[in-house]
Every structure is written in C-alpha cells, then in structure tokens.
C-alpha cells in the first residue's frame, strides 16, 4: 500500500517541477516585453528608412541596367559575334571573308573602269562605294563603333574576289591562245617528224607569272605610297592590278581567232598592255596628286614611269613566250 502512494507522490513532484519551468518562462517573457516594446519605434523607423532608401535606389539601379533588345537575341547577331571572336586567325576562312564580300554590280562597275582606261581616273573613288548587300549583312554596328570608324566616304571597299578570278580567267585565255598558236605553227610545218602534244608547262608558268607580277607590283606600289604617307592600302593596290587584267581578256581571245597572223597578235598584245598601263598609271598619278603636297609631288613621275615600263616589259614577255 505504501508503494502506490510514493509513486503518486513522485508524479506530483514531477508535475510541480514542470509547472515551475513554465512559470519561469512566463516571467522571462514578461520581463523582456517592455524592452521589445521600447525597441519597436526604433525598429519601425529603421525599417521605414531602409524601405525608402531601397525605393530611391530602385530607379538608379534600373537606369544602370542595359536595355535588352530583340536584336541581341537574333541568330544572325549571335553568329556575327561568334565570327568576330574567331576571325582574327589568318588560317581561318572567316579572316578572308570580308575581302570576298562583293556584289556583281560592284565587280562590273570596276571592270568597266578598267576598260575605260585613262578616260576615267576615279577607280579608287569607286572602291569607296558602299556595299549594297545590307539585307545580307550580319554586322551590327554599335554606337561607339560608328564614332571610331571612318565615314563611308573615306572607307575603302576593295575586294579580292575580282582580282583573283579575273587574273585566273586572263591566264586561262592566255594558255588557250598559246596552245592554239602552237598547234597552228605545227600544222604549217611541212616536215614535221614528231606528233604535236600540249605543253602543260604554259599552264603553271602562265598562272604563276600573272599572279606573281600582280602581287609584286602591288606590293611595291604600296610600299612607296606607305613611305610617302599616302592613304592607300595593299588591298587597294592589289585590286588595281587585278582589275587591270580584264582589259587583256578580249585581246587574247582575238589572238585565238587570228592565231595564224602574227601581226594581229602584236597589235592585240600592244593595245591590251598599253591601255591597261594607262589605266594603272593615270589612276595612280591622280591619287598621288591628291594626297601629296609640296616637294613630295616630284615622286609622282618616277613612280608612274616605273609602273609603265614594268607593264611594257610584261607585255613583251607575254608576246614572245606565250603568243609567238
């Protein structure tokens, strides 16, 4: 009978112990409540001040954020950014892509200037014409880029597409004319003991000579103009010499038609090289006359004279080796 009473007594003591802890918590909360109430105005003021400062800083943060446009998500714009970041390497095709970005209208206009020869001396001005391929253009001009880059009237749009293929076409027609003349000379022989065969050395030599001559002369002209501080790039001079080859194509075709008449061949080669030399010299002289000032103009005559003499030597070589 004593054990149950002791058990109940222990339970009663435990309950009293728990109630004492609950009373202690209530006393602590009562003691802390005035401090909380005293701090509430300061906390409210601080919260109000922080909210007002965040509201004031919101417009400035919105102004500092860049405005996103739909053009930044354009696939063409993203492709242009990728090509711009990977186009600095000379062994990539993207590095040479701008030099072949030319329209048919531009190529025909520059070929026409070459056929006009000395009658039109604005070839370098024609190179400054803007491209009319705005619908195919992937470049997106930034505001700072328009201020740093030169204006459209001062920027050259010279290409390598025309000089490359025009020189190749000139070499091809010259090789055909050379082999045709060789065949006609063989047919006129009465005591021909060997069968006629194509001379494939004219193919490699013709292509190599025309490309080498155009590049070397363009490089020398650019070096002289660089020394004289003339605003003329290597691409401009290569474009000048490349398009000058277009004049010789119809005259080489006439050499094929009159392959049996040597006098006609002399006339065709002479007219082709004299006319293209005048095209080179007149356009170069007008460019130098515009850029040079004072005593530097005395260099115009020697430069133009060397260009004319070198072109005449090239004409004699073509006639005596290929069209003999």
C-alpha atoms as a PDB file:
ATOM      1  CA  UNK A   1       0.000   0.000   0.000  1.00  0.00           C
ATOM      2  CA  UNK A   2       2.981   2.306   0.567  1.00  0.00           C
ATOM      3  CA  UNK A   3       4.386   1.926  -2.964  1.00  0.00           C
ATOM      4  CA  UNK A   4       1.435   3.421  -4.830  1.00  0.00           C
ATOM      5  CA  UNK A   5       1.415   6.438  -2.573  1.00  0.00           C
ATOM      6  CA  UNK A   6       5.082   7.021  -3.153  1.00  0.00           C
ATOM      7  CA  UNK A   7       4.550   6.661  -6.864  1.00  0.00           C
ATOM      8  CA  UNK A   8       1.803   9.236  -6.822  1.00  0.00           C
ATOM      9  CA  UNK A   9       3.952  11.484  -4.727  1.00  0.00           C
ATOM     10  CA  UNK A  10       6.751  11.317  -7.298  1.00  0.00           C
ATOM     11  CA  UNK A  11       4.374  12.127 -10.105  1.00  0.00           C
ATOM     12  CA  UNK A  12       3.094  15.078  -8.178  1.00  0.00           C
ATOM     13  CA  UNK A  13       6.596  16.339  -7.612  1.00  0.00           C
ATOM     14  CA  UNK A  14       7.420  15.988 -11.340  1.00  0.00           C
ATOM     15  CA  UNK A  15       4.322  17.944 -12.263  1.00  0.00           C
ATOM     16  CA  UNK A  16       5.289  20.678  -9.853  1.00  0.00           C
ATOM     17  CA  UNK A  17       8.779  20.747 -11.385  1.00  0.00           C
ATOM     18  CA  UNK A  18       7.357  21.195 -14.887  1.00  0.00           C
ATOM     19  CA  UNK A  19       4.976  23.907 -13.714  1.00  0.00           C
ATOM     20  CA  UNK A  20       7.869  25.766 -12.154  1.00  0.00           C
ATOM     21  CA  UNK A  21       9.682  25.811 -15.523  1.00  0.00           C
ATOM     22  CA  UNK A  22       6.562  27.060 -17.288  1.00  0.00           C
ATOM     23  CA  UNK A  23       6.168  29.830 -14.702  1.00  0.00           C
ATOM     24  CA  UNK A  24       9.812  30.807 -15.170  1.00  0.00           C
ATOM     25  CA  UNK A  25       9.293  31.140 -18.963  1.00  0.00           C
ATOM     26  CA  UNK A  26       6.278  33.352 -18.396  1.00  0.00           C
ATOM     27  CA  UNK A  27       8.265  35.563 -16.014  1.00  0.00           C
ATOM     28  CA  UNK A  28      11.112  35.912 -18.556  1.00  0.00           C
ATOM     29  CA  UNK A  29       8.691  36.883 -21.321  1.00  0.00           C
ATOM     30  CA  UNK A  30       7.087  39.454 -19.034  1.00  0.00           C
ATOM     31  CA  UNK A  31      10.445  40.965 -18.209  1.00  0.00           C
ATOM     32  CA  UNK A  32      11.521  41.128 -21.866  1.00  0.00           C
ATOM     33  CA  UNK A  33       8.236  42.518 -23.173  1.00  0.00           C
ATOM     34  CA  UNK A  34       8.942  46.199 -22.208  1.00  0.00           C
ATOM     35  CA  UNK A  35      12.301  46.092 -23.974  1.00  0.00           C
ATOM     36  CA  UNK A  36      10.641  44.765 -27.094  1.00  0.00           C
ATOM     37  CA  UNK A  37       8.029  47.482 -26.945  1.00  0.00           C
ATOM     38  CA  UNK A  38      10.729  50.092 -26.349  1.00  0.00           C
ATOM     39  CA  UNK A  39      12.692  48.940 -29.369  1.00  0.00           C
ATOM     40  CA  UNK A  40       9.685  48.760 -31.652  1.00  0.00           C
ATOM     41  CA  UNK A  41       9.648  52.502 -32.648  1.00  0.00           C
ATOM     42  CA  UNK A  42      13.349  52.428 -33.495  1.00  0.00           C
ATOM     43  CA  UNK A  43      12.958  49.250 -35.475  1.00  0.00           C
ATOM     44  CA  UNK A  44       9.996  50.711 -37.307  1.00  0.00           C
ATOM     45  CA  UNK A  45      11.958  53.863 -38.108  1.00  0.00           C
ATOM     46  CA  UNK A  46      14.902  51.804 -39.322  1.00  0.00           C
ATOM     47  CA  UNK A  47      12.629  49.642 -41.446  1.00  0.00           C
ATOM     48  CA  UNK A  48      10.957  52.730 -42.901  1.00  0.00           C
ATOM     49  CA  UNK A  49      14.333  54.304 -43.662  1.00  0.00           C
ATOM     50  CA  UNK A  50      15.633  51.133 -45.329  1.00  0.00           C
ATOM     51  CA  UNK A  51      12.480  50.800 -47.426  1.00  0.00           C
ATOM     52  CA  UNK A  52      12.668  54.445 -48.525  1.00  0.00           C
ATOM     53  CA  UNK A  53      16.369  54.096 -49.423  1.00  0.00           C
ATOM     54  CA  UNK A  54      15.675  50.945 -51.421  1.00  0.00           C
ATOM     55  CA  UNK A  55      12.827  52.698 -53.203  1.00  0.00           C
ATOM     56  CA  UNK A  56      15.106  55.648 -54.011  1.00  0.00           C
ATOM     57  CA  UNK A  57      17.843  53.335 -55.242  1.00  0.00           C
ATOM     58  CA  UNK A  58      15.459  51.384 -57.442  1.00  0.00           C
ATOM     59  CA  UNK A  59      15.314  53.952 -60.309  1.00  0.00           C
ATOM     60  CA  UNK A  60      19.094  54.373 -60.317  1.00  0.00           C
ATOM     61  CA  UNK A  61      19.576  50.622 -60.479  1.00  0.00           C
ATOM     62  CA  UNK A  62      17.064  50.464 -63.289  1.00  0.00           C
ATOM     63  CA  UNK A  63      18.928  53.185 -65.141  1.00  0.00           C
ATOM     64  CA  UNK A  64      22.265  51.413 -64.735  1.00  0.00           C
ATOM     65  CA  UNK A  65      20.919  48.203 -66.212  1.00  0.00           C
ATOM     66  CA  UNK A  66      21.425  47.917 -70.002  1.00  0.00           C
ATOM     67  CA  UNK A  67      18.388  47.766 -72.167  1.00  0.00           C
ATOM     68  CA  UNK A  68      17.954  44.437 -73.847  1.00  0.00           C
ATOM     69  CA  UNK A  69      16.687  44.476 -77.399  1.00  0.00           C
ATOM     70  CA  UNK A  70      15.434  41.723 -79.610  1.00  0.00           C
ATOM     71  CA  UNK A  71      18.449  42.207 -81.894  1.00  0.00           C
ATOM     72  CA  UNK A  72      20.725  40.785 -79.197  1.00  0.00           C
ATOM     73  CA  UNK A  73      18.792  37.528 -79.445  1.00  0.00           C
ATOM     74  CA  UNK A  74      18.876  37.483 -83.239  1.00  0.00           C
ATOM     75  CA  UNK A  75      20.685  34.363 -84.555  1.00  0.00           C
ATOM     76  CA  UNK A  76      22.424  36.490 -87.182  1.00  0.00           C
ATOM     77  CA  UNK A  77      23.745  38.807 -84.471  1.00  0.00           C
ATOM     78  CA  UNK A  78      24.961  35.867 -82.397  1.00  0.00           C
ATOM     79  CA  UNK A  79      26.632  34.356 -85.471  1.00  0.00           C
ATOM     80  CA  UNK A  80      28.328  37.660 -86.205  1.00  0.00           C
ATOM     81  CA  UNK A  81      29.657  37.867 -82.638  1.00  0.00           C
ATOM     82  CA  UNK A  82      30.995  34.324 -82.904  1.00  0.00           C
ATOM     83  CA  UNK A  83      32.697  35.031 -86.232  1.00  0.00           C
ATOM     84  CA  UNK A  84      34.140  38.290 -84.917  1.00  0.00           C
ATOM     85  CA  UNK A  85      35.701  36.491 -81.967  1.00  0.00           C
ATOM     86  CA  UNK A  86      37.153  33.735 -84.167  1.00  0.00           C
ATOM     87  CA  UNK A  87      38.096  35.749 -87.271  1.00  0.00           C
ATOM     88  CA  UNK A  88      41.422  37.086 -86.015  1.00  0.00           C
ATOM     89  CA  UNK A  89      43.321  33.968 -87.045  1.00  0.00           C
ATOM     90  CA  UNK A  90      44.749  34.190 -90.603  1.00  0.00           C
ATOM     91  CA  UNK A  91      44.330  30.437 -91.133  1.00  0.00           C
ATOM     92  CA  UNK A  92      40.539  30.626 -90.826  1.00  0.00           C
ATOM     93  CA  UNK A  93      38.148  31.297 -93.693  1.00  0.00           C
ATOM     94  CA  UNK A  94      36.352  33.954 -91.674  1.00  0.00           C
ATOM     95  CA  UNK A  95      39.529  36.050 -91.754  1.00  0.00           C
ATOM     96  CA  UNK A  96      39.324  36.354 -95.573  1.00  0.00           C
ATOM     97  CA  UNK A  97      35.542  36.548 -95.815  1.00  0.00           C
ATOM     98  CA  UNK A  98      35.319  40.386 -95.785  1.00  0.00           C
ATOM     99  CA  UNK A  99      37.697  40.576 -98.762  1.00  0.00           C
ATOM    100  CA  UNK A 100      35.345  38.470-100.896  1.00  0.00           C
ATOM    101  CA  UNK A 101      32.136  40.217 -99.800  1.00  0.00           C
ATOM    102  CA  UNK A 102      31.374  41.970-103.080  1.00  0.00           C
ATOM    103  CA  UNK A 103      28.343  42.183-105.342  1.00  0.00           C
ATOM    104  CA  UNK A 104      28.055  41.606-109.077  1.00  0.00           C
ATOM    105  CA  UNK A 105      27.227  45.258-109.581  1.00  0.00           C
ATOM    106  CA  UNK A 106      30.430  46.359-107.877  1.00  0.00           C
ATOM    107  CA  UNK A 107      32.571  43.929-109.877  1.00  0.00           C
ATOM    108  CA  UNK A 108      31.043  45.026-113.182  1.00  0.00           C
ATOM    109  CA  UNK A 109      31.479  48.676-112.275  1.00  0.00           C
ATOM    110  CA  UNK A 110      35.164  48.172-111.519  1.00  0.00           C
ATOM    111  CA  UNK A 111      35.715  46.150-114.688  1.00  0.00           C
ATOM    112  CA  UNK A 112      34.091  48.960-116.656  1.00  0.00           C
ATOM    113  CA  UNK A 113      36.506  51.440-115.092  1.00  0.00           C
ATOM    114  CA  UNK A 114      39.396  49.243-116.207  1.00  0.00           C
ATOM    115  CA  UNK A 115      38.137  49.195-119.805  1.00  0.00           C
ATOM    116  CA  UNK A 116      37.768  52.974-119.753  1.00  0.00           C
ATOM    117  CA  UNK A 117      41.481  53.231-119.040  1.00  0.00           C
ATOM    118  CA  UNK A 118      42.690  56.844-118.886  1.00  0.00           C
ATOM    119  CA  UNK A 119      39.241  58.215-119.713  1.00  0.00           C
ATOM    120  CA  UNK A 120      38.119  57.639-116.117  1.00  0.00           C
ATOM    121  CA  UNK A 121      40.622  58.097-113.305  1.00  0.00           C
ATOM    122  CA  UNK A 122      38.303  57.627-110.325  1.00  0.00           C
ATOM    123  CA  UNK A 123      38.971  53.929-109.704  1.00  0.00           C
ATOM    124  CA  UNK A 124      39.963  54.463-106.071  1.00  0.00           C
ATOM    125  CA  UNK A 125      36.826  56.541-105.556  1.00  0.00           C
ATOM    126  CA  UNK A 126      34.767  53.661-106.938  1.00  0.00           C
ATOM    127  CA  UNK A 127      36.367  51.389-104.351  1.00  0.00           C
ATOM    128  CA  UNK A 128      34.928  53.614-101.620  1.00  0.00           C
ATOM    129  CA  UNK A 129      31.340  52.996-102.705  1.00  0.00           C
ATOM    130  CA  UNK A 130      29.317  51.285-100.030  1.00  0.00           C
ATOM    131  CA  UNK A 131      28.167  47.728-100.468  1.00  0.00           C
ATOM    132  CA  UNK A 132      24.517  47.300-101.435  1.00  0.00           C
ATOM    133  CA  UNK A 133      24.164  43.986 -99.588  1.00  0.00           C
ATOM    134  CA  UNK A 134      22.538  45.403 -96.480  1.00  0.00           C
ATOM    135  CA  UNK A 135      19.987  42.604 -96.430  1.00  0.00           C
ATOM    136  CA  UNK A 136      22.750  40.011 -96.271  1.00  0.00           C
ATOM    137  CA  UNK A 137      24.990  41.938 -93.896  1.00  0.00           C
ATOM    138  CA  UNK A 138      25.470  40.309 -90.500  1.00  0.00           C
ATOM    139  CA  UNK A 139      27.459  43.098 -88.879  1.00  0.00           C
ATOM    140  CA  UNK A 140      25.639  45.043 -86.175  1.00  0.00           C
ATOM    141  CA  UNK A 141      27.164  48.444 -85.633  1.00  0.00           C
ATOM    142  CA  UNK A 142      27.440  49.627 -82.065  1.00  0.00           C
ATOM    143  CA  UNK A 143      27.160  53.309 -81.134  1.00  0.00           C
ATOM    144  CA  UNK A 144      30.852  53.564 -80.242  1.00  0.00           C
ATOM    145  CA  UNK A 145      31.872  51.776 -83.432  1.00  0.00           C
ATOM    146  CA  UNK A 146      30.244  54.378 -85.659  1.00  0.00           C
ATOM    147  CA  UNK A 147      32.190  57.138 -83.928  1.00  0.00           C
ATOM    148  CA  UNK A 148      35.553  55.370 -84.046  1.00  0.00           C
ATOM    149  CA  UNK A 149      35.342  54.044 -87.594  1.00  0.00           C
ATOM    150  CA  UNK A 150      35.856  56.307 -90.608  1.00  0.00           C
ATOM    151  CA  UNK A 151      32.906  57.509 -92.559  1.00  0.00           C
ATOM    152  CA  UNK A 152      31.558  55.596 -95.509  1.00  0.00           C
ATOM    153  CA  UNK A 153      33.047  58.112 -97.916  1.00  0.00           C
ATOM    154  CA  UNK A 154      36.557  57.500 -96.533  1.00  0.00           C
ATOM    155  CA  UNK A 155      36.416  53.730 -96.060  1.00  0.00           C
ATOM    156  CA  UNK A 156      37.651  51.552 -98.908  1.00  0.00           C
ATOM    157  CA  UNK A 157      35.627  48.540-100.045  1.00  0.00           C
ATOM    158  CA  UNK A 158      38.334  46.916-102.143  1.00  0.00           C
ATOM    159  CA  UNK A 159      37.912  43.200-102.743  1.00  0.00           C
ATOM    160  CA  UNK A 160      39.994  40.180-103.695  1.00  0.00           C
ATOM    161  CA  UNK A 161      37.222  38.286-105.444  1.00  0.00           C
ATOM    162  CA  UNK A 162      37.512  40.269-108.680  1.00  0.00           C
ATOM    163  CA  UNK A 163      41.333  40.332-108.864  1.00  0.00           C
ATOM    164  CA  UNK A 164      41.583  36.607-108.122  1.00  0.00           C
ATOM    165  CA  UNK A 165      39.089  35.362-110.698  1.00  0.00           C
ATOM    166  CA  UNK A 166      39.910  37.971-113.338  1.00  0.00           C
ATOM    167  CA  UNK A 167      43.588  37.040-113.162  1.00  0.00           C
ATOM    168  CA  UNK A 168      42.665  33.358-113.361  1.00  0.00           C
ATOM    169  CA  UNK A 169      40.430  33.968-116.387  1.00  0.00           C
ATOM    170  CA  UNK A 170      43.186  36.002-118.051  1.00  0.00           C
ATOM    171  CA  UNK A 171      45.697  33.198-117.501  1.00  0.00           C
ATOM    172  CA  UNK A 172      43.218  30.629-118.831  1.00  0.00           C
ATOM    173  CA  UNK A 173      42.547  32.549-122.054  1.00  0.00           C
ATOM    174  CA  UNK A 174      46.271  33.190-122.483  1.00  0.00           C
ATOM    175  CA  UNK A 175      47.060  29.476-122.108  1.00  0.00           C
ATOM    176  CA  UNK A 176      44.381  28.542-124.644  1.00  0.00           C
ATOM    177  CA  UNK A 177      45.727  31.133-127.071  1.00  0.00           C
ATOM    178  CA  UNK A 178      49.289  29.881-126.583  1.00  0.00           C
ATOM    179  CA  UNK A 179      48.385  26.251-127.256  1.00  0.00           C
ATOM    180  CA  UNK A 180      46.239  27.214-130.252  1.00  0.00           C
ATOM    181  CA  UNK A 181      49.079  29.215-131.812  1.00  0.00           C
ATOM    182  CA  UNK A 182      51.470  26.348-131.134  1.00  0.00           C
ATOM    183  CA  UNK A 183      49.104  23.955-132.871  1.00  0.00           C
ATOM    184  CA  UNK A 184      48.757  26.243-135.892  1.00  0.00           C
ATOM    185  CA  UNK A 185      52.522  26.582-136.156  1.00  0.00           C
ATOM    186  CA  UNK A 186      52.854  22.810-136.063  1.00  0.00           C
ATOM    187  CA  UNK A 187      50.219  22.420-138.794  1.00  0.00           C
ATOM    188  CA  UNK A 188      52.119  24.796-141.077  1.00  0.00           C
ATOM    189  CA  UNK A 189      55.280  22.711-140.861  1.00  0.00           C
ATOM    190  CA  UNK A 190      55.895  20.586-143.940  1.00  0.00           C
ATOM    191  CA  UNK A 191      58.471  18.231-142.470  1.00  0.00           C
ATOM    192  CA  UNK A 192      57.020  17.624-139.049  1.00  0.00           C
ATOM    193  CA  UNK A 193      58.582  14.466-137.677  1.00  0.00           C
ATOM    194  CA  UNK A 194      57.029  14.407-134.208  1.00  0.00           C
ATOM    195  CA  UNK A 195      53.407  14.432-133.177  1.00  0.00           C
ATOM    196  CA  UNK A 196      52.058  17.555-131.541  1.00  0.00           C
ATOM    197  CA  UNK A 197      51.359  17.485-127.804  1.00  0.00           C
ATOM    198  CA  UNK A 198      50.058  20.061-125.369  1.00  0.00           C
ATOM    199  CA  UNK A 199      52.701  21.944-123.432  1.00  0.00           C
ATOM    200  CA  UNK A 200      51.422  21.873-119.869  1.00  0.00           C
ATOM    201  CA  UNK A 201      54.303  23.991-118.653  1.00  0.00           C
ATOM    202  CA  UNK A 202      52.487  27.005-120.085  1.00  0.00           C
ATOM    203  CA  UNK A 203      49.641  26.359-117.636  1.00  0.00           C
ATOM    204  CA  UNK A 204      51.741  26.580-114.496  1.00  0.00           C
ATOM    205  CA  UNK A 205      54.002  29.280-115.900  1.00  0.00           C
ATOM    206  CA  UNK A 206      51.121  31.439-117.144  1.00  0.00           C
ATOM    207  CA  UNK A 207      49.243  31.293-113.844  1.00  0.00           C
ATOM    208  CA  UNK A 208      52.395  31.779-111.796  1.00  0.00           C
ATOM    209  CA  UNK A 209      53.651  34.733-113.843  1.00  0.00           C
ATOM    210  CA  UNK A 210      50.371  36.655-113.830  1.00  0.00           C
ATOM    211  CA  UNK A 211      49.696  36.176-110.124  1.00  0.00           C
ATOM    212  CA  UNK A 212      53.291  36.906-109.139  1.00  0.00           C
ATOM    213  CA  UNK A 213      53.510  40.007-111.316  1.00  0.00           C
ATOM    214  CA  UNK A 214      50.278  41.441-109.942  1.00  0.00           C
ATOM    215  CA  UNK A 215      51.202  40.782-106.318  1.00  0.00           C
ATOM    216  CA  UNK A 216      54.808  42.015-106.547  1.00  0.00           C
ATOM    217  CA  UNK A 217      53.894  45.225-108.370  1.00  0.00           C
ATOM    218  CA  UNK A 218      51.013  45.899-105.979  1.00  0.00           C
ATOM    219  CA  UNK A 219      53.334  45.319-103.025  1.00  0.00           C
ATOM    220  CA  UNK A 220      55.996  47.677-104.393  1.00  0.00           C
ATOM    221  CA  UNK A 221      53.432  50.370-105.128  1.00  0.00           C
ATOM    222  CA  UNK A 222      52.008  50.052-101.635  1.00  0.00           C
ATOM    223  CA  UNK A 223      55.487  50.308-100.096  1.00  0.00           C
ATOM    224  CA  UNK A 224      56.209  53.533-101.996  1.00  0.00           C
ATOM    225  CA  UNK A 225      52.859  55.044-101.038  1.00  0.00           C
ATOM    226  CA  UNK A 226      53.394  53.973 -97.435  1.00  0.00           C
ATOM    227  CA  UNK A 227      56.727  55.785 -97.441  1.00  0.00           C
ATOM    228  CA  UNK A 228      55.038  58.899 -98.840  1.00  0.00           C
ATOM    229  CA  UNK A 229      52.205  58.597 -96.270  1.00  0.00           C
ATOM    230  CA  UNK A 230      49.525  58.207 -98.922  1.00  0.00           C
ATOM    231  CA  UNK A 231      46.237  56.713 -97.738  1.00  0.00           C
ATOM    232  CA  UNK A 232      46.391  53.640 -99.942  1.00  0.00           C
ATOM    233  CA  UNK A 233      46.250  50.099 -98.616  1.00  0.00           C
ATOM    234  CA  UNK A 234      47.802  46.951-100.023  1.00  0.00           C
ATOM    235  CA  UNK A 235      44.322  45.687-100.798  1.00  0.00           C
ATOM    236  CA  UNK A 236      43.685  48.793-102.916  1.00  0.00           C
ATOM    237  CA  UNK A 237      46.825  48.287-104.995  1.00  0.00           C
ATOM    238  CA  UNK A 238      46.102  44.575-105.446  1.00  0.00           C
ATOM    239  CA  UNK A 239      42.609  45.477-106.564  1.00  0.00           C
ATOM    240  CA  UNK A 240      44.046  47.993-109.048  1.00  0.00           C
ATOM    241  CA  UNK A 241      46.401  45.486-110.668  1.00  0.00           C
ATOM    242  CA  UNK A 242      43.885  42.662-110.525  1.00  0.00           C
ATOM    243  CA  UNK A 243      41.158  44.517-112.398  1.00  0.00           C
ATOM    244  CA  UNK A 244      43.669  45.795-114.963  1.00  0.00           C
ATOM    245  CA  UNK A 245      43.971  42.220-116.279  1.00  0.00           C
ATOM    246  CA  UNK A 246      40.387  42.355-117.506  1.00  0.00           C
ATOM    247  CA  UNK A 247      41.459  44.529-120.442  1.00  0.00           C
ATOM    248  CA  UNK A 248      43.656  41.754-121.878  1.00  0.00           C
ATOM    249  CA  UNK A 249      40.981  39.032-121.972  1.00  0.00           C
ATOM    250  CA  UNK A 250      39.203  40.088-125.222  1.00  0.00           C
ATOM    251  CA  UNK A 251      42.534  40.766-126.945  1.00  0.00           C
ATOM    252  CA  UNK A 252      43.821  37.303-126.043  1.00  0.00           C
ATOM    253  CA  UNK A 253      40.591  35.926-127.485  1.00  0.00           C
ATOM    254  CA  UNK A 254      41.338  37.793-130.731  1.00  0.00           C
ATOM    255  CA  UNK A 255      44.746  36.135-130.760  1.00  0.00           C
ATOM    256  CA  UNK A 256      42.952  32.785-130.777  1.00  0.00           C
ATOM    257  CA  UNK A 257      40.755  33.861-133.683  1.00  0.00           C
ATOM    258  CA  UNK A 258      43.737  35.206-135.659  1.00  0.00           C
ATOM    259  CA  UNK A 259      46.273  32.674-134.486  1.00  0.00           C
ATOM    260  CA  UNK A 260      47.852  32.367-137.926  1.00  0.00           C
ATOM    261  CA  UNK A 261      48.560  36.112-138.321  1.00  0.00           C
ATOM    262  CA  UNK A 262      51.459  37.269-136.208  1.00  0.00           C
ATOM    263  CA  UNK A 263      50.923  40.964-136.953  1.00  0.00           C
ATOM    264  CA  UNK A 264      47.425  40.817-135.476  1.00  0.00           C
ATOM    265  CA  UNK A 265      48.831  39.198-132.369  1.00  0.00           C
ATOM    266  CA  UNK A 266      51.365  42.002-131.968  1.00  0.00           C
ATOM    267  CA  UNK A 267      48.617  44.569-132.357  1.00  0.00           C
ATOM    268  CA  UNK A 268      46.326  42.871-129.822  1.00  0.00           C
ATOM    269  CA  UNK A 269      49.020  42.452-127.192  1.00  0.00           C
ATOM    270  CA  UNK A 270      50.277  46.007-127.718  1.00  0.00           C
ATOM    271  CA  UNK A 271      46.847  47.596-127.368  1.00  0.00           C
ATOM    272  CA  UNK A 272      45.971  45.466-124.340  1.00  0.00           C
ATOM    273  CA  UNK A 273      49.090  46.322-122.374  1.00  0.00           C
ATOM    274  CA  UNK A 274      49.260  49.984-123.363  1.00  0.00           C
ATOM    275  CA  UNK A 275      45.617  50.526-122.411  1.00  0.00           C
ATOM    276  CA  UNK A 276      45.914  48.675-119.112  1.00  0.00           C
ATOM    277  CA  UNK A 277      49.172  50.534-118.360  1.00  0.00           C
ATOM    278  CA  UNK A 278      47.415  53.848-118.896  1.00  0.00           C
ATOM    279  CA  UNK A 279      44.664  52.688-116.551  1.00  0.00           C
ATOM    280  CA  UNK A 280      47.234  51.869-113.864  1.00  0.00           C
ATOM    281  CA  UNK A 281      49.349  54.980-114.297  1.00  0.00           C
ATOM    282  CA  UNK A 282      46.588  57.570-114.614  1.00  0.00           C
ATOM    283  CA  UNK A 283      44.663  56.349-111.566  1.00  0.00           C
ATOM    284  CA  UNK A 284      47.846  56.122-109.507  1.00  0.00           C
ATOM    285  CA  UNK A 285      49.018  59.570-110.608  1.00  0.00           C
ATOM    286  CA  UNK A 286      45.681  61.170-109.755  1.00  0.00           C
ATOM    287  CA  UNK A 287      45.668  59.513-106.337  1.00  0.00           C
ATOM    288  CA  UNK A 288      49.218  60.666-105.591  1.00  0.00           C
ATOM    289  CA  UNK A 289      48.480  64.157-106.868  1.00  0.00           C
ATOM    290  CA  UNK A 290      45.528  64.387-104.485  1.00  0.00           C
ATOM    291  CA  UNK A 291      47.383  63.062-101.438  1.00  0.00           C
ATOM    292  CA  UNK A 292      50.868  64.529-101.830  1.00  0.00           C
ATOM    293  CA  UNK A 293      51.748  68.119-101.047  1.00  0.00           C
ATOM    294  CA  UNK A 294      54.722  70.332-101.792  1.00  0.00           C
ATOM    295  CA  UNK A 295      58.007  68.797-102.835  1.00  0.00           C
ATOM    296  CA  UNK A 296      56.698  65.231-102.469  1.00  0.00           C
ATOM    297  CA  UNK A 297      54.959  65.569-105.819  1.00  0.00           C
ATOM    298  CA  UNK A 298      58.293  65.105-107.573  1.00  0.00           C
ATOM    299  CA  UNK A 299      57.946  61.379-106.809  1.00  0.00           C
ATOM    300  CA  UNK A 300      54.835  61.036-108.953  1.00  0.00           C
ATOM    301  CA  UNK A 301      56.619  60.941-112.319  1.00  0.00           C
ATOM    302  CA  UNK A 302      59.257  58.331-111.311  1.00  0.00           C
ATOM    303  CA  UNK A 303      56.660  56.040-109.749  1.00  0.00           C
ATOM    304  CA  UNK A 304      54.333  56.240-112.735  1.00  0.00           C
ATOM    305  CA  UNK A 305      57.266  55.824-115.144  1.00  0.00           C
ATOM    306  CA  UNK A 306      58.445  52.651-113.424  1.00  0.00           C
ATOM    307  CA  UNK A 307      54.912  51.260-113.479  1.00  0.00           C
ATOM    308  CA  UNK A 308      54.551  51.925-117.211  1.00  0.00           C
ATOM    309  CA  UNK A 309      57.967  50.453-118.065  1.00  0.00           C
ATOM    310  CA  UNK A 310      57.341  47.327-115.978  1.00  0.00           C
ATOM    311  CA  UNK A 311      53.980  46.797-117.666  1.00  0.00           C
ATOM    312  CA  UNK A 312      55.525  47.120-121.116  1.00  0.00           C
ATOM    313  CA  UNK A 313      58.194  44.578-120.204  1.00  0.00           C
ATOM    314  CA  UNK A 314      55.455  42.235-119.052  1.00  0.00           C
ATOM    315  CA  UNK A 315      53.705  42.696-122.395  1.00  0.00           C
ATOM    316  CA  UNK A 316      56.832  41.815-124.355  1.00  0.00           C
ATOM    317  CA  UNK A 317      57.362  38.717-122.220  1.00  0.00           C
ATOM    318  CA  UNK A 318      53.794  37.532-122.800  1.00  0.00           C
ATOM    319  CA  UNK A 319      54.052  38.058-126.552  1.00  0.00           C
ATOM    320  CA  UNK A 320      57.470  36.465-127.025  1.00  0.00           C
ATOM    321  CA  UNK A 321      56.912  33.465-124.758  1.00  0.00           C
ATOM    322  CA  UNK A 322      53.211  32.632-124.981  1.00  0.00           C
ATOM    323  CA  UNK A 323      51.991  34.163-128.242  1.00  0.00           C
ATOM    324  CA  UNK A 324      54.970  33.721-130.546  1.00  0.00           C
END
